[in-house]
Protein backbone atom coordinates (compact mmCIF):
# COMPACT_ATOMS: atom_id res chain seq x y z
CA MET A 1 0.00 0.00 0.00
CA LYS A 2 1.21 3.47 -0.84
CA LYS A 3 2.18 5.62 2.15
CA PRO A 4 2.81 9.37 2.40
CA PHE A 5 6.44 10.22 1.71
CA ILE A 6 8.20 12.00 4.57
CA PHE A 7 10.58 14.95 4.21
CA GLY A 8 12.74 16.02 7.13
CA HIS A 9 12.10 19.77 7.38
CA ARG A 10 15.44 21.56 7.05
CA GLY A 11 16.93 18.18 7.84
CA ALA A 12 15.67 17.02 11.20
CA MET A 13 15.49 20.40 12.89
CA GLY A 14 13.62 19.05 15.88
CA TYR A 15 16.94 17.53 16.93
CA GLU A 16 19.73 19.53 15.27
CA ILE A 17 20.33 23.09 14.06
CA GLU A 18 18.28 23.62 10.92
CA ASN A 19 19.91 23.47 7.48
CA THR A 20 23.22 22.11 8.77
CA MET A 21 25.02 18.92 7.88
CA ALA A 22 24.25 17.56 11.37
CA SER A 23 20.54 18.10 10.72
CA PHE A 24 20.74 16.54 7.26
CA ASP A 25 22.71 13.58 8.64
CA LYS A 26 19.99 12.97 11.21
CA ALA A 27 17.30 12.96 8.51
CA VAL A 28 19.34 10.53 6.41
CA GLU A 29 19.74 8.35 9.50
CA PHE A 30 15.94 8.25 9.75
CA ASN A 31 15.77 7.27 6.06
CA VAL A 32 13.57 10.17 4.92
CA GLY A 33 13.87 12.83 2.24
CA LEU A 34 15.66 16.14 2.75
CA GLU A 35 13.93 19.51 2.63
CA THR A 36 16.07 22.62 2.64
CA ASP A 37 15.90 26.32 1.84
CA VAL A 38 18.41 27.69 -0.65
CA GLN A 39 19.79 31.20 -1.13
CA LEU A 40 22.24 32.42 -3.78
CA THR A 41 25.30 34.35 -2.61
CA LYS A 42 26.93 37.29 -4.38
CA ASP A 43 29.52 34.94 -5.86
CA ASN A 44 26.87 32.45 -7.04
CA TYR A 45 27.14 29.76 -4.39
CA LEU A 46 23.93 28.00 -3.39
CA ILE A 47 23.79 27.89 0.39
CA CYS A 48 21.37 26.01 2.63
CA PHE A 49 19.92 28.86 4.66
CA HIS A 50 16.37 29.99 5.26
CA ASP A 51 16.45 33.78 5.57
CA PRO A 52 17.42 36.16 2.75
CA TYR A 53 18.69 38.54 5.43
CA PHE A 54 19.41 38.19 9.13
CA GLN A 55 20.54 40.10 12.21
CA ILE A 56 23.28 39.34 14.72
CA LEU A 57 23.51 41.83 17.56
CA ASP A 58 23.22 45.26 15.90
CA ASN A 59 24.39 44.10 12.48
CA TRP A 60 22.15 43.23 9.55
CA TYR A 61 23.36 40.97 6.75
CA VAL A 62 21.87 40.40 3.27
CA VAL A 63 22.82 37.03 1.78
CA LYS A 64 22.74 38.07 -1.89
CA GLU A 65 25.14 40.93 -1.15
CA MET A 66 27.74 38.70 0.48
CA THR A 67 30.22 36.11 -0.75
CA LEU A 68 30.34 32.61 0.66
CA GLU A 69 33.62 33.39 2.41
CA GLU A 70 32.13 36.49 4.05
CA ILE A 71 29.13 34.53 5.29
CA ARG A 72 31.29 31.76 6.70
CA ARG A 73 33.36 34.28 8.66
CA ILE A 74 30.26 35.33 10.61
CA LYS A 75 29.97 34.04 14.15
CA PHE A 76 26.40 32.76 14.48
CA ASN A 77 24.78 32.54 17.89
CA ASP A 78 24.29 28.79 17.46
CA ASN A 79 27.80 28.30 15.98
CA ARG A 80 26.37 26.83 12.81
CA ILE A 81 28.45 26.25 9.71
CA ILE A 82 26.38 26.92 6.59
CA PRO A 83 26.72 24.19 3.96
CA THR A 84 26.44 24.71 0.25
CA LEU A 85 23.98 22.66 -1.76
CA ASP A 86 27.01 21.28 -3.57
CA ASP A 87 28.30 20.00 -0.19
CA VAL A 88 24.98 18.25 0.39
CA PHE A 89 24.71 16.68 -3.07
CA GLN A 90 28.33 15.55 -2.87
CA LYS A 91 27.98 13.93 0.56
CA TYR A 92 24.80 12.02 -0.21
CA LYS A 93 25.40 11.24 -3.87
CA SER A 94 25.32 7.49 -3.17
CA ASN A 95 22.18 7.60 -1.00
CA SER A 96 19.52 8.04 -3.73
CA LEU A 97 17.81 10.74 -1.68
CA ARG A 98 14.70 12.66 -2.59
CA TYR A 99 15.12 16.42 -2.13
CA SER A 100 12.59 19.21 -1.69
CA ILE A 101 14.18 22.61 -2.23
CA ASP A 102 12.54 25.90 -1.34
CA ILE A 103 14.15 28.65 -3.41
CA ALA A 104 14.78 32.35 -2.80
CA ASN A 105 14.07 33.48 -6.37
CA ARG A 106 14.11 32.52 -10.04
CA ASN A 107 17.90 32.67 -10.44
CA THR A 108 18.35 30.45 -7.42
CA GLY A 109 16.01 27.95 -9.05
CA TYR A 110 18.00 28.04 -12.30
CA ARG A 111 21.23 27.28 -10.42
CA VAL A 112 19.57 24.46 -8.44
CA ILE A 113 18.48 22.85 -11.70
CA ASP A 114 21.96 23.23 -13.19
CA LEU A 115 23.61 21.70 -10.13
CA ALA A 116 21.15 18.80 -10.03
CA LYS A 117 21.90 18.09 -13.70
CA LYS A 118 25.63 18.16 -12.93
CA TYR A 119 25.08 15.43 -10.32
CA ASN A 120 22.61 13.60 -12.57
CA ILE A 121 19.88 13.78 -9.90
CA LEU A 122 17.34 16.08 -11.55
CA ASP A 123 14.67 13.40 -11.18
CA GLU A 124 15.34 13.26 -7.42
CA ILE A 125 14.67 16.93 -6.66
CA GLU A 126 11.51 18.98 -6.33
CA ILE A 127 11.51 22.77 -6.26
CA THR A 128 8.84 24.51 -4.19
CA ASP A 129 7.73 28.13 -4.34
CA LEU A 130 4.78 30.36 -3.44
CA ARG A 131 4.98 32.38 -6.68
CA MET A 132 3.42 30.94 -9.81
CA ARG A 133 5.35 33.36 -12.00
CA VAL A 134 8.62 31.94 -10.66
CA LEU A 135 7.46 28.36 -11.21
CA ALA A 136 6.40 29.30 -14.75
CA GLN A 137 9.88 30.69 -15.45
CA LEU A 138 11.49 27.53 -14.10
CA ARG A 139 9.25 25.40 -16.30
CA LYS A 140 10.40 27.37 -19.36
CA TYR A 141 14.00 26.84 -18.25
CA ASN A 142 13.58 23.10 -17.84
CA ASN A 143 10.73 20.86 -18.88
CA GLU A 144 11.62 17.92 -16.64
CA VAL A 145 12.19 19.27 -13.13
CA LYS A 146 9.41 18.57 -10.63
CA LEU A 147 7.72 21.74 -9.41
CA VAL A 148 5.48 22.18 -6.36
CA HIS A 149 3.27 25.19 -5.68
CA THR A 150 3.18 26.16 -2.01
CA LEU A 151 -0.23 27.64 -1.27
CA PRO A 152 0.08 31.40 -0.56
CA PHE A 153 -0.54 32.27 3.06
CA ASN A 154 -3.48 34.57 2.29
CA ILE A 155 -5.54 31.69 0.87
CA ARG A 156 -7.43 29.90 3.61
CA LYS A 157 -10.21 28.31 1.56
CA ILE A 158 -9.14 27.00 -1.85
CA SER A 159 -11.46 27.62 -4.79
CA LYS A 160 -11.08 27.81 -8.55
CA ARG A 161 -11.28 31.58 -8.19
CA ASN A 162 -8.15 31.89 -6.06
CA LEU A 163 -6.16 28.93 -7.39
CA ASN A 164 -5.81 28.51 -11.15
CA PHE A 165 -5.82 24.73 -11.50
CA LYS A 166 -5.79 24.91 -15.30
CA ASP A 167 -2.57 26.92 -15.18
CA LEU A 168 -1.04 24.49 -12.69
CA VAL A 169 -1.81 21.52 -14.93
CA GLU A 170 -0.62 23.27 -18.11
CA LYS A 171 2.72 24.09 -16.48
CA ASN A 172 3.01 20.56 -15.13
CA ILE A 173 3.02 21.63 -11.50
CA HIS A 174 2.40 18.24 -9.96
CA ALA A 175 1.50 19.12 -6.36
CA VAL A 176 0.06 21.82 -4.10
CA ASN A 177 1.80 22.20 -0.74
CA LEU A 178 -0.52 23.18 2.13
CA LYS A 179 0.38 24.55 5.53
CA ASN A 180 -0.88 22.11 8.14
CA GLU A 181 -3.58 24.50 9.40
CA ARG A 182 -5.24 24.50 5.97
CA THR A 183 -6.01 20.79 6.31
CA ARG A 184 -8.53 21.51 9.08
CA ASP A 185 -10.89 22.26 6.21
CA LYS A 186 -10.98 18.92 4.40
CA ASP A 187 -12.44 20.61 1.32
CA ASN A 188 -8.97 22.07 0.65
CA PHE A 189 -7.60 18.56 0.30
CA LYS A 190 -10.56 17.39 -1.76
CA ILE A 191 -10.40 20.18 -4.36
CA ILE A 192 -6.70 19.50 -4.98
CA ILE A 193 -7.39 15.82 -5.57
CA GLU A 194 -10.46 16.53 -7.73
CA ASN A 195 -8.30 18.65 -10.04
CA GLY A 196 -5.77 15.91 -10.58
CA LEU A 197 -2.91 17.20 -8.44
CA LYS A 198 -1.08 15.72 -5.48
CA CYS A 199 -1.35 17.24 -2.02
CA TYR A 200 1.68 17.87 0.20
CA VAL A 201 1.40 19.20 3.77
CA TRP A 202 4.07 21.09 5.72
CA GLY A 203 4.42 22.08 9.36
CA VAL A 204 3.24 18.71 10.68
CA ASN A 205 5.08 18.54 14.00
CA SER A 206 2.70 17.56 16.80
CA LYS A 207 1.34 14.03 17.18
CA PHE A 208 -2.19 15.40 16.87
CA ARG A 209 -1.39 17.03 13.54
CA MET A 210 0.39 13.95 12.28
CA LYS A 211 -2.63 11.77 12.96
CA ARG A 212 -5.02 14.29 11.36
CA VAL A 213 -3.01 14.52 8.15
CA LEU A 214 -2.54 10.76 7.91
CA LYS A 215 -6.32 10.31 8.08
CA LEU A 216 -7.01 12.49 5.04
CA ASN A 217 -8.49 10.36 2.30
CA TYR A 218 -10.68 11.21 -0.67
CA LYS A 219 -11.59 8.78 -3.43
CA ASN A 220 -8.72 6.56 -2.21
CA ALA A 221 -6.24 9.43 -2.58
CA ILE A 222 -4.07 10.34 0.40
CA VAL A 223 -1.60 13.10 1.20
CA ASP A 224 1.38 12.36 -1.00
CA ALA A 225 4.17 13.96 1.08
CA ILE A 226 4.51 15.41 4.57
CA TYR A 227 7.15 17.78 5.97
CA THR A 228 8.06 17.49 9.64
CA ASP A 229 10.74 18.53 12.15
CA TYR A 230 10.41 15.08 13.76
CA PRO A 231 10.61 12.52 10.95
CA ASP A 232 11.24 9.55 13.25
CA VAL A 233 8.01 10.24 15.16
CA LEU A 234 6.00 10.63 11.97
CA LEU A 235 7.53 7.46 10.51
CA LYS A 236 6.31 5.52 13.52
CA PHE A 237 2.77 6.94 13.29
CA ARG A 238 2.64 6.45 9.52
CA ASP A 239 3.70 2.82 9.67
CA GLN A 240 1.27 2.10 12.51
CA PHE A 241 -1.55 3.78 10.59
CA TYR A 242 -0.89 1.78 7.42
């Protein structure tokens, strides 16, 4: 029986510092996919880091205005070392991992696609974004990469008026990624399935939420992928449920 696929959110950030090799190692140890956020530095390195800008003490830093070397010289409060996406692909190249990559912008997406092609793992990555215009540009750039549309935060109740399913299908966007709270209304799940797309859910961290998402079923369709900070806990619940 098919089961929802599990992505470790920013690795396994419930246990390790997010978007670090320690966090990614923990997710790989749990035998789940890797989700990470990617930014592009001034000197065109793809780094695994969530925020486009950040503050330490009284200093503000903008990732796209800094080189990789400049970023790595910064003393972070949690002492993290920021890996590049190249570091990640290189380390796990023999693991046959499935990756979900949340991108900063169109150019970041282009570079992710190029790097995945270099490692011959384009079929193992999925790029997620809130902006349909960015996903459309990525589809023009490459016809094979898997693209996922993260539902914009302002949409609480999905309808054909606020989500253009025809456009999603035409651009071969294969899934809609919902924030966990949006699954309280089961109609949001149903309308995605009715329009021939897969449903992903992110932010599934409590046991209550895990059980609720696992129970979603419509016309024998289930949630296709789930993002969690605690992949080992979700694995246990998923396997018990199925």
